[in-house]
Amino acid sequence: MENRPISPLTSVSDTARWVAVYRAWETARPDAVFHDPFAQSLAGDRGREIAKLMPPSARNGWPIIARTKLIDDLIQGAIADDFDCVVNLAAGFDTRPLRLELPESLRWIELDLPPLIEEKNRKLADAKPRCRLRRIGVDLTNADARNVTLRDALAASTRALVITEGLLLYLSEPQVRDLALNLAALNGVRSWILDLASPAILGMMRKDMGTHLANAPLKFAPPSGVAYFEALGWRVAAVSSILHAAGRLRRLPWFLQLISNFPEPNPRRLTRARWSGVARLVR
């Protein structure tokens, strides 16, 4: 019988469980850079199984740790600037409304596939949000349904922040373009936090992960980096390298620590550069 490679992810939704494992590992460290007391239970046995089956290159989790911390800090900065609403697209098992210091009056809206939202509601039924939290089930790849849901959710907001952590990488370029234009057209949206990778990093991930991501293929990695979004009407307010952030946080494997001391590549010219980062866009 032919030995077929194991693909631990059955769909993109499984990445929510996988990522929660890394947040749980970080939380358990004595020098943790953030604390997520819900991550362990959200990851569950399924998440731990996924992490165990991943190739060695993906088991450390340092990119997820650095990305989480960078986005935490960007959110806190935005809240300090009097944003009245946060919309998290493809929220997965993110728990920031439960663990960050947030104003009680802040509206926080999470969107993801209905089955994932139902599971999250069930697992976090006893958890108390620190702000006004609402979860909505919707297929974000259905542009019409997404746009109707966003218009309704943002109707009462004048300064909203959108988050797409871990989402764009799994979308096609036309889908990302459509999303960027749609968000820019919404009157209440003032800022957008996203993460993205260069084509070289995308190629490395595809090579290292192989069939492990067969059911959650990686697609979007613009050679122009953040300039891709500037061409669509957005302005870059902040951009940070995940590698360099992980170096500052002392989460890199030893063999990457030296590389983190090198200057960052231009985030607008990523044709050959090995780069991934987090950006905050404004309009």
Protein backbone atom coordinates (compact mmCIF):
# COMPACT_ATOMS: atom_id res chain seq x y z
CA MET A 1 0.00 0.00 0.00
CA GLU A 2 1.26 3.47 -0.86
CA ASN A 3 2.37 5.57 2.12
CA ARG A 4 0.68 8.93 1.81
CA PRO A 5 2.07 11.97 3.67
CA ILE A 6 0.03 13.02 6.67
CA SER A 7 -1.90 16.29 6.31
CA PRO A 8 -2.84 17.27 9.88
CA LEU A 9 -4.98 20.26 8.84
CA THR A 10 -8.38 19.26 7.53
CA SER A 11 -9.19 22.88 6.61
CA VAL A 12 -8.07 26.46 7.23
CA SER A 13 -10.21 26.45 10.39
CA ASP A 14 -7.79 23.95 11.96
CA THR A 15 -5.13 26.66 11.99
CA ALA A 16 -7.10 28.27 14.87
CA ARG A 17 -6.38 25.21 17.02
CA TRP A 18 -2.78 24.99 15.85
CA VAL A 19 -2.03 28.66 16.62
CA ALA A 20 -3.68 28.35 20.04
CA VAL A 21 -1.09 25.69 20.95
CA TYR A 22 1.73 28.21 20.51
CA ARG A 23 -0.11 30.80 22.60
CA ALA A 24 -0.53 28.18 25.32
CA TRP A 25 3.18 27.33 25.22
CA GLU A 26 4.12 30.99 25.50
CA THR A 27 1.69 31.54 28.38
CA ALA A 28 3.33 28.69 30.31
CA ARG A 29 6.79 30.30 30.13
CA PRO A 30 8.06 32.16 33.22
CA ASP A 31 9.16 35.00 30.92
CA ALA A 32 6.00 35.04 28.77
CA VAL A 33 5.55 38.17 26.64
CA PHE A 34 1.77 37.76 26.82
CA HIS A 35 -0.69 35.60 28.75
CA ASP A 36 -3.62 33.75 27.22
CA PRO A 37 -5.25 31.63 29.93
CA PHE A 38 -7.81 30.32 27.43
CA ALA A 39 -5.39 29.04 24.77
CA GLN A 40 -4.80 25.60 26.30
CA SER A 41 -8.47 24.64 26.35
CA LEU A 42 -9.17 26.18 22.94
CA ALA A 43 -6.31 24.24 21.34
CA GLY A 44 -7.60 21.00 22.80
CA ASP A 45 -6.33 17.57 21.93
CA ARG A 46 -6.86 18.30 18.25
CA GLY A 47 -4.61 21.34 18.31
CA ARG A 48 -1.87 19.50 20.18
CA GLU A 49 -2.10 16.63 17.69
CA ILE A 50 -1.68 19.08 14.80
CA ALA A 51 1.36 20.70 16.42
CA LYS A 52 2.93 17.29 17.06
CA LEU A 53 2.53 16.25 13.42
CA MET A 54 4.06 19.41 11.99
CA PRO A 55 7.62 19.28 10.62
CA PRO A 56 10.42 20.40 12.98
CA SER A 57 10.70 23.78 11.25
CA ALA A 58 7.14 24.65 12.36
CA ARG A 59 7.23 23.34 15.93
CA ASN A 60 8.95 26.25 17.67
CA GLY A 61 6.15 28.71 16.99
CA TRP A 62 8.33 31.82 17.24
CA PRO A 63 6.67 33.59 14.26
CA ILE A 64 3.25 33.20 15.90
CA ILE A 65 4.54 34.44 19.27
CA ALA A 66 6.16 37.51 17.71
CA ARG A 67 3.13 38.21 15.50
CA THR A 68 0.77 37.96 18.47
CA LYS A 69 2.83 40.38 20.55
CA LEU A 70 3.21 42.87 17.69
CA ILE A 71 -0.54 42.91 17.05
CA ASP A 72 -1.32 43.14 20.78
CA ASP A 73 0.80 46.29 20.98
CA LEU A 74 -0.70 47.81 17.83
CA ILE A 75 -4.22 47.22 19.15
CA GLN A 76 -3.42 48.84 22.49
CA GLY A 77 -1.97 51.83 20.65
CA ALA A 78 -5.07 52.15 18.49
CA ILE A 79 -7.37 51.95 21.51
CA ALA A 80 -5.41 54.77 23.11
CA ASP A 81 -6.24 56.85 20.00
CA ASP A 82 -9.97 56.57 20.80
CA PHE A 83 -11.02 53.93 18.30
CA ASP A 84 -14.58 52.94 19.14
CA CYS A 85 -14.75 49.51 17.50
CA VAL A 86 -12.50 46.57 16.61
CA VAL A 87 -13.53 44.12 13.89
CA ASN A 88 -11.54 40.89 13.76
CA LEU A 89 -11.99 39.07 10.44
CA ALA A 90 -11.28 35.32 10.59
CA ALA A 91 -10.97 35.69 14.36
CA GLY A 92 -10.53 31.96 14.89
CA PHE A 93 -9.76 31.25 18.54
CA ASP A 94 -8.31 34.69 19.25
CA THR A 95 -9.03 35.78 22.84
CA ARG A 96 -7.91 39.40 22.95
CA PRO A 97 -11.34 40.70 24.11
CA LEU A 98 -10.90 38.41 27.13
CA ARG A 99 -7.25 39.05 27.97
CA LEU A 100 -6.27 42.60 26.93
CA GLU A 101 -6.88 45.72 29.02
CA LEU A 102 -9.74 47.34 27.08
CA PRO A 103 -12.34 50.05 27.75
CA GLU A 104 -15.70 48.56 28.71
CA SER A 105 -17.38 50.80 26.14
CA LEU A 106 -15.31 49.42 23.23
CA ARG A 107 -17.27 47.38 20.70
CA TRP A 108 -15.40 44.25 19.54
CA ILE A 109 -16.82 42.16 16.71
CA GLU A 110 -15.47 38.77 15.65
CA LEU A 111 -16.31 37.24 12.28
CA ASP A 112 -15.56 33.68 11.19
CA LEU A 113 -17.26 30.60 9.79
CA PRO A 114 -20.46 29.68 11.67
CA PRO A 115 -19.23 26.27 12.97
CA LEU A 116 -16.07 27.85 14.40
CA ILE A 117 -18.04 30.66 16.03
CA GLU A 118 -20.44 28.12 17.56
CA GLU A 119 -17.55 26.06 18.94
CA LYS A 120 -15.87 29.16 20.34
CA ASN A 121 -19.07 30.35 22.00
CA ARG A 122 -19.47 26.93 23.59
CA LYS A 123 -15.89 26.68 24.86
CA LEU A 124 -15.83 30.25 26.19
CA ALA A 125 -19.37 30.34 27.57
CA ASP A 126 -18.15 31.17 31.09
CA ALA A 127 -15.45 33.67 30.06
CA LYS A 128 -16.20 37.35 30.73
CA PRO A 129 -15.22 39.81 27.97
CA ARG A 130 -13.54 43.06 28.97
CA CYS A 131 -15.53 45.03 26.41
CA ARG A 132 -18.77 44.75 24.39
CA LEU A 133 -18.11 41.55 22.45
CA ARG A 134 -20.20 40.20 19.58
CA ARG A 135 -19.44 37.14 17.46
CA ILE A 136 -20.95 36.66 14.00
CA GLY A 137 -20.81 33.58 11.79
CA VAL A 138 -20.19 34.37 8.13
CA ASP A 139 -18.19 32.96 5.21
CA LEU A 140 -15.61 35.70 4.59
CA THR A 141 -14.82 34.35 1.12
CA ASN A 142 -18.39 35.24 0.13
CA ALA A 143 -17.80 38.92 -0.65
CA ASP A 144 -21.48 39.87 -0.72
CA ALA A 145 -22.25 38.24 2.63
CA ARG A 146 -19.09 39.69 4.17
CA ASN A 147 -19.82 43.23 2.99
CA VAL A 148 -23.43 43.16 4.16
CA THR A 149 -22.31 41.88 7.56
CA LEU A 150 -19.60 44.52 7.87
CA ARG A 151 -21.90 47.38 6.91
CA ASP A 152 -24.39 46.27 9.53
CA ALA A 153 -21.75 45.71 12.22
CA LEU A 154 -20.07 49.07 11.61
CA ALA A 155 -23.19 51.17 11.22
CA ALA A 156 -22.73 52.78 14.64
CA SER A 157 -18.94 53.29 14.39
CA THR A 158 -16.96 56.31 13.24
CA ARG A 159 -13.46 55.08 14.14
CA ALA A 160 -13.13 51.33 13.61
CA LEU A 161 -10.02 49.16 13.51
CA VAL A 162 -10.01 46.01 11.36
CA ILE A 163 -7.73 43.03 12.08
CA THR A 164 -6.95 40.24 9.60
CA GLU A 165 -4.37 38.23 11.55
CA GLY A 166 -3.38 35.08 9.68
CA LEU A 167 -6.02 35.55 6.98
CA LEU A 168 -4.50 37.13 3.86
CA LEU A 169 -1.94 34.37 3.33
CA TYR A 170 -4.78 31.94 2.56
CA LEU A 171 -6.63 34.22 0.12
CA SER A 172 -6.05 34.67 -3.60
CA GLU A 173 -4.77 38.00 -4.88
CA PRO A 174 -8.19 39.00 -6.32
CA GLN A 175 -9.80 38.21 -2.97
CA VAL A 176 -7.26 40.36 -1.09
CA ARG A 177 -7.72 43.21 -3.56
CA ASP A 178 -11.49 43.03 -3.20
CA LEU A 179 -11.23 43.01 0.59
CA ALA A 180 -8.82 45.96 0.65
CA LEU A 181 -11.08 48.04 -1.60
CA ASN A 182 -14.22 47.08 0.32
CA LEU A 183 -12.68 48.01 3.67
CA ALA A 184 -11.47 51.34 2.28
CA ALA A 185 -15.00 52.09 1.08
CA LEU A 186 -16.55 51.62 4.53
CA ASN A 187 -16.99 55.04 6.14
CA GLY A 188 -16.36 53.86 9.69
CA VAL A 189 -13.08 52.02 9.03
CA ARG A 190 -10.04 54.14 9.84
CA SER A 191 -7.26 51.56 10.33
CA TRP A 192 -6.32 48.01 9.41
CA ILE A 193 -3.82 45.67 11.07
CA LEU A 194 -2.58 42.83 8.88
CA ASP A 195 0.32 40.43 8.50
CA LEU A 196 1.93 39.42 5.23
CA ALA A 197 4.89 37.53 3.82
CA SER A 198 7.24 37.90 0.87
CA PRO A 199 7.21 35.45 -2.06
CA ALA A 200 10.48 33.95 -0.79
CA ILE A 201 8.99 33.23 2.63
CA LEU A 202 5.89 31.79 1.01
CA GLY A 203 8.10 29.49 -1.06
CA MET A 204 10.03 28.40 2.03
CA MET A 205 6.84 27.64 3.91
CA ARG A 206 5.44 25.61 1.04
CA LYS A 207 8.69 23.64 0.79
CA ASP A 208 9.08 23.07 4.54
CA MET A 209 5.43 22.27 5.18
CA GLY A 210 4.83 20.25 2.03
CA THR A 211 1.59 18.30 2.16
CA HIS A 212 0.98 19.42 5.75
CA LEU A 213 -0.83 22.43 4.28
CA ALA A 214 -2.57 20.57 1.47
CA ASN A 215 -5.98 21.45 2.94
CA ALA A 216 -5.00 25.00 3.80
CA PRO A 217 -2.90 26.19 0.81
CA LEU A 218 -0.83 29.36 1.05
CA LYS A 219 -1.56 31.84 -1.73
CA PHE A 220 -0.95 35.56 -1.13
CA ALA A 221 2.53 37.08 -0.93
CA PRO A 222 2.86 40.35 -2.89
CA PRO A 223 6.36 41.19 -4.21
CA SER A 224 5.56 44.85 -3.53
CA GLY A 225 4.82 44.16 0.14
CA VAL A 226 2.99 46.99 1.88
CA ALA A 227 3.12 49.05 -1.32
CA TYR A 228 0.45 46.67 -2.65
CA PHE A 229 -1.99 48.24 -0.19
CA GLU A 230 -0.74 51.78 -0.73
CA ALA A 231 -1.72 51.41 -4.39
CA LEU A 232 -5.25 50.62 -3.21
CA GLY A 233 -5.65 53.79 -1.18
CA TRP A 234 -4.14 52.85 2.18
CA ARG A 235 -1.28 54.56 4.00
CA VAL A 236 1.28 52.69 6.12
CA ALA A 237 1.37 53.98 9.70
CA ALA A 238 3.65 51.26 11.08
CA VAL A 239 5.40 48.14 9.83
CA SER A 240 7.57 45.63 11.73
CA SER A 241 9.51 42.53 10.78
CA ILE A 242 8.37 39.39 12.59
CA LEU A 243 11.94 38.04 12.55
CA HIS A 244 13.36 41.17 14.15
CA ALA A 245 10.56 41.28 16.72
CA ALA A 246 11.24 37.65 17.63
CA GLY A 247 14.91 38.52 18.03
CA ARG A 248 14.11 41.35 20.43
CA LEU A 249 11.79 39.05 22.37
CA ARG A 250 14.48 36.32 22.52
CA ARG A 251 12.26 33.76 20.87
CA LEU A 252 14.41 32.93 17.85
CA PRO A 253 16.29 29.64 17.44
CA TRP A 254 20.00 30.26 17.94
CA PHE A 255 20.83 29.88 14.26
CA LEU A 256 18.48 32.74 13.34
CA GLN A 257 19.56 35.13 16.09
CA LEU A 258 22.53 36.41 14.08
CA ILE A 259 20.34 37.04 11.02
CA SER A 260 17.99 39.15 13.15
CA ASN A 261 20.83 41.63 13.66
CA PHE A 262 20.99 42.39 9.94
CA PRO A 263 19.11 45.44 8.60
CA GLU A 264 15.50 44.83 7.61
CA PRO A 265 14.73 44.61 3.89
CA ASN A 266 12.58 47.30 2.31
CA PRO A 267 8.98 46.19 3.03
CA ARG A 268 7.97 47.71 -0.32
CA ARG A 269 10.45 45.65 -2.35
CA LEU A 270 10.17 42.00 -1.42
CA THR A 271 10.74 40.24 -4.72
CA ARG A 272 13.71 38.25 -3.38
CA ALA A 273 13.78 39.17 0.28
CA ARG A 274 12.94 36.68 3.01
CA TRP A 275 10.57 38.79 5.07
CA SER A 276 7.32 38.56 6.96
CA GLY A 277 5.81 41.29 9.02
CA VAL A 278 2.92 43.08 10.61
CA ALA A 279 1.62 46.43 9.41
CA ARG A 280 -0.93 48.96 10.53
CA LEU A 281 -2.58 50.80 7.67
CA VAL A 282 -4.68 53.95 7.92
CA ARG A 283 -6.81 56.04 5.62
